[in-house]
Amino acid sequence: MEQNLEQNKKNAIAFYKMAYGGNPRKATEQYVGTEYIQHNPLVDDGTEEFIKYFERMQAEYPEKSIEFVRAITEGDLVALHTHQVWPGNEEYVTMDFFRFDDNGKIVEHWDSIQKIPDESANNNTMY
């Protein structure tokens, strides 16, 4: 089955917004397939572990925010480049990769997070 790249991109963003914004259970019900493989070493495999992690993040850091800078699709993958601000004005740049199954559901996730430093050796932004 051919992937619907534009729909996968929209679904990855909607999934992330919903989970990050405090409703990970609804996000997994709407956007995750029958399996969920997690590569973030702080989160175990499966939707219930994902839900627990994001519920804890919402309880501990309700003031966090996220901006989606870019989204790129290729094949069954969607990459999201985000800017996150956490309490204390700690800013992070993240890259998240989601793999979709043939039904347009998320079944695998990788991410990389880097704190935005106060100083840089160049004048370029991280975006």
C-alpha atoms as a PDB file:
ATOM      1  CA  MET A   1       0.000   0.000   0.000  1.00  0.00           C
ATOM      2  CA  GLU A   2       1.329   3.454  -0.894  1.00  0.00           C
ATOM      3  CA  GLN A   3       1.813   5.924   1.944  1.00  0.00           C
ATOM      4  CA  ASN A   4      -0.192   9.169   2.006  1.00  0.00           C
ATOM      5  CA  LEU A   5       2.751  11.452   2.799  1.00  0.00           C
ATOM      6  CA  GLU A   6       0.766  14.633   3.406  1.00  0.00           C
ATOM      7  CA  GLN A   7      -1.718  12.868   5.698  1.00  0.00           C
ATOM      8  CA  ASN A   8       1.102  11.154   7.616  1.00  0.00           C
ATOM      9  CA  LYS A   9       2.736  14.560   8.144  1.00  0.00           C
ATOM     10  CA  LYS A  10      -0.512  16.056   9.464  1.00  0.00           C
ATOM     11  CA  ASN A  11      -1.106  13.030  11.695  1.00  0.00           C
ATOM     12  CA  ALA A  12       2.423  13.113  13.158  1.00  0.00           C
ATOM     13  CA  ILE A  13       2.005  16.785  14.086  1.00  0.00           C
ATOM     14  CA  ALA A  14      -1.496  16.245  15.502  1.00  0.00           C
ATOM     15  CA  PHE A  15      -0.285  13.224  17.489  1.00  0.00           C
ATOM     16  CA  TYR A  16       2.653  15.127  18.952  1.00  0.00           C
ATOM     17  CA  LYS A  17       0.585  18.237  19.775  1.00  0.00           C
ATOM     18  CA  MET A  18      -2.084  16.183  21.497  1.00  0.00           C
ATOM     19  CA  ALA A  19       0.338  14.036  23.528  1.00  0.00           C
ATOM     20  CA  TYR A  20       2.642  16.942  24.425  1.00  0.00           C
ATOM     21  CA  GLY A  21      -0.349  19.114  25.305  1.00  0.00           C
ATOM     22  CA  GLY A  22      -1.581  16.688  27.938  1.00  0.00           C
ATOM     23  CA  ASN A  23      -3.770  14.100  26.242  1.00  0.00           C
ATOM     24  CA  PRO A  24      -1.482  11.187  25.325  1.00  0.00           C
ATOM     25  CA  ARG A  25      -4.222   8.569  25.703  1.00  0.00           C
ATOM     26  CA  LYS A  26      -6.428  10.217  23.078  1.00  0.00           C
ATOM     27  CA  ALA A  27      -3.355  10.726  20.870  1.00  0.00           C
ATOM     28  CA  THR A  28      -2.482   7.024  20.951  1.00  0.00           C
ATOM     29  CA  GLU A  29      -6.105   5.983  20.394  1.00  0.00           C
ATOM     30  CA  GLN A  30      -6.354   8.171  17.285  1.00  0.00           C
ATOM     31  CA  TYR A  31      -2.888   7.909  15.750  1.00  0.00           C
ATOM     32  CA  VAL A  32      -1.018   4.791  16.945  1.00  0.00           C
ATOM     33  CA  GLY A  33      -1.197   1.337  15.375  1.00  0.00           C
ATOM     34  CA  THR A  34      -1.366  -2.059  17.038  1.00  0.00           C
ATOM     35  CA  GLU A  35       2.290  -1.872  18.065  1.00  0.00           C
ATOM     36  CA  TYR A  36       4.415   1.042  19.258  1.00  0.00           C
ATOM     37  CA  ILE A  37       8.186   0.633  19.219  1.00  0.00           C
ATOM     38  CA  GLN A  38      10.016   3.306  21.210  1.00  0.00           C
ATOM     39  CA  HIS A  39      13.697   4.179  20.757  1.00  0.00           C
ATOM     40  CA  ASN A  40      13.872   6.936  23.394  1.00  0.00           C
ATOM     41  CA  PRO A  41      15.854   5.276  26.233  1.00  0.00           C
ATOM     42  CA  LEU A  42      13.687   7.005  28.870  1.00  0.00           C
ATOM     43  CA  VAL A  43      10.438   5.404  27.637  1.00  0.00           C
ATOM     44  CA  ASP A  44       9.604   1.696  27.353  1.00  0.00           C
ATOM     45  CA  ASP A  45       7.865   0.126  24.337  1.00  0.00           C
ATOM     46  CA  GLY A  46       4.091   0.169  24.025  1.00  0.00           C
ATOM     47  CA  THR A  47       1.334   2.734  24.182  1.00  0.00           C
ATOM     48  CA  GLU A  48       0.728   2.450  27.938  1.00  0.00           C
ATOM     49  CA  GLU A  49       4.349   3.336  28.707  1.00  0.00           C
ATOM     50  CA  PHE A  50       4.153   6.268  26.277  1.00  0.00           C
ATOM     51  CA  ILE A  51       0.957   7.467  27.983  1.00  0.00           C
ATOM     52  CA  LYS A  52       2.509   7.196  31.458  1.00  0.00           C
ATOM     53  CA  TYR A  53       5.564   9.182  30.354  1.00  0.00           C
ATOM     54  CA  PHE A  54       3.583  12.029  28.788  1.00  0.00           C
ATOM     55  CA  GLU A  55       1.068  12.171  31.650  1.00  0.00           C
ATOM     56  CA  ARG A  56       4.002  12.553  34.037  1.00  0.00           C
ATOM     57  CA  MET A  57       5.560  15.269  31.844  1.00  0.00           C
ATOM     58  CA  GLN A  58       2.242  17.147  31.791  1.00  0.00           C
ATOM     59  CA  ALA A  59       1.863  16.917  35.577  1.00  0.00           C
ATOM     60  CA  GLU A  60       5.456  17.997  36.251  1.00  0.00           C
ATOM     61  CA  TYR A  61       5.780  20.619  33.488  1.00  0.00           C
ATOM     62  CA  PRO A  62       2.353  21.994  32.543  1.00  0.00           C
ATOM     63  CA  GLU A  63       3.850  25.261  31.248  1.00  0.00           C
ATOM     64  CA  LYS A  64       5.998  23.650  28.544  1.00  0.00           C
ATOM     65  CA  SER A  65       5.414  24.695  24.940  1.00  0.00           C
ATOM     66  CA  ILE A  66       6.252  23.398  21.481  1.00  0.00           C
ATOM     67  CA  GLU A  67       6.558  24.962  18.035  1.00  0.00           C
ATOM     68  CA  PHE A  68       6.791  22.867  14.899  1.00  0.00           C
ATOM     69  CA  VAL A  69       9.512  24.374  12.731  1.00  0.00           C
ATOM     70  CA  ARG A  70       9.477  21.878   9.857  1.00  0.00           C
ATOM     71  CA  ALA A  71       8.097  18.496   8.887  1.00  0.00           C
ATOM     72  CA  ILE A  72       9.581  16.244   6.230  1.00  0.00           C
ATOM     73  CA  THR A  73       8.181  13.014   4.819  1.00  0.00           C
ATOM     74  CA  GLU A  74       9.768  10.174   2.915  1.00  0.00           C
ATOM     75  CA  GLY A  75       8.285   6.736   2.368  1.00  0.00           C
ATOM     76  CA  ASP A  76       6.739   5.602   5.648  1.00  0.00           C
ATOM     77  CA  LEU A  77       8.676   8.147   7.754  1.00  0.00           C
ATOM     78  CA  VAL A  78       7.870  11.637   9.047  1.00  0.00           C
ATOM     79  CA  ALA A  79      10.558  13.836  10.611  1.00  0.00           C
ATOM     80  CA  LEU A  80       9.560  16.738  12.867  1.00  0.00           C
ATOM     81  CA  HIS A  81      11.961  19.541  13.810  1.00  0.00           C
ATOM     82  CA  THR A  82      10.652  21.374  16.873  1.00  0.00           C
ATOM     83  CA  HIS A  83      11.467  24.164  19.293  1.00  0.00           C
ATOM     84  CA  GLN A  84      10.488  23.403  22.871  1.00  0.00           C
ATOM     85  CA  VAL A  85      10.485  25.758  25.842  1.00  0.00           C
ATOM     86  CA  TRP A  86      10.389  24.228  29.322  1.00  0.00           C
ATOM     87  CA  PRO A  87      10.056  25.852  32.766  1.00  0.00           C
ATOM     88  CA  GLY A  88      12.881  28.213  33.595  1.00  0.00           C
ATOM     89  CA  ASN A  89      13.000  29.202  29.908  1.00  0.00           C
ATOM     90  CA  GLU A  90      15.126  26.190  29.025  1.00  0.00           C
ATOM     91  CA  GLU A  91      14.969  25.868  25.269  1.00  0.00           C
ATOM     92  CA  TYR A  92      15.507  22.692  23.284  1.00  0.00           C
ATOM     93  CA  VAL A  93      15.705  21.753  19.638  1.00  0.00           C
ATOM     94  CA  THR A  94      14.313  18.306  18.889  1.00  0.00           C
ATOM     95  CA  MET A  95      14.163  15.941  15.950  1.00  0.00           C
ATOM     96  CA  ASP A  96      11.492  13.259  16.063  1.00  0.00           C
ATOM     97  CA  PHE A  97      11.058  10.499  13.506  1.00  0.00           C
ATOM     98  CA  PHE A  98       7.851   8.493  13.219  1.00  0.00           C
ATOM     99  CA  ARG A  99       7.325   5.360  11.133  1.00  0.00           C
ATOM    100  CA  PHE A 100       3.820   4.712   9.835  1.00  0.00           C
ATOM    101  CA  ASP A 101       2.226   1.374   8.973  1.00  0.00           C
ATOM    102  CA  ASP A 102       0.192   0.724   5.807  1.00  0.00           C
ATOM    103  CA  ASN A 103      -2.951   1.933   7.600  1.00  0.00           C
ATOM    104  CA  GLY A 104      -1.461   5.385   8.282  1.00  0.00           C
ATOM    105  CA  LYS A 105      -0.849   4.693  11.979  1.00  0.00           C
ATOM    106  CA  ILE A 106       2.329   5.451  13.930  1.00  0.00           C
ATOM    107  CA  VAL A 107       4.180   2.286  14.934  1.00  0.00           C
ATOM    108  CA  GLU A 108       7.722   3.447  15.740  1.00  0.00           C
ATOM    109  CA  HIS A 109       9.459   6.536  17.152  1.00  0.00           C
ATOM    110  CA  TRP A 110      13.023   7.879  17.433  1.00  0.00           C
ATOM    111  CA  ASP A 111      14.079  11.244  18.831  1.00  0.00           C
ATOM    112  CA  SER A 112      17.070  13.409  19.570  1.00  0.00           C
ATOM    113  CA  ILE A 113      17.004  16.387  21.928  1.00  0.00           C
ATOM    114  CA  GLN A 114      19.593  19.130  22.339  1.00  0.00           C
ATOM    115  CA  LYS A 115      19.510  22.048  24.749  1.00  0.00           C
ATOM    116  CA  ILE A 116      19.973  25.361  22.950  1.00  0.00           C
ATOM    117  CA  PRO A 117      23.188  26.851  24.343  1.00  0.00           C
ATOM    118  CA  ASP A 118      23.555  30.429  25.564  1.00  0.00           C
ATOM    119  CA  GLU A 119      26.505  30.942  23.213  1.00  0.00           C
ATOM    120  CA  SER A 120      27.410  29.612  19.785  1.00  0.00           C
ATOM    121  CA  ALA A 121      30.663  29.515  17.792  1.00  0.00           C
ATOM    122  CA  ASN A 122      28.686  30.787  14.756  1.00  0.00           C
ATOM    123  CA  ASN A 123      25.871  33.239  14.090  1.00  0.00           C
ATOM    124  CA  ASN A 124      23.456  30.604  12.764  1.00  0.00           C
ATOM    125  CA  THR A 125      20.308  29.611  14.576  1.00  0.00           C
ATOM    126  CA  MET A 126      19.534  25.976  15.332  1.00  0.00           C
ATOM    127  CA  TYR A 127      16.571  26.245  12.957  1.00  0.00           C
END
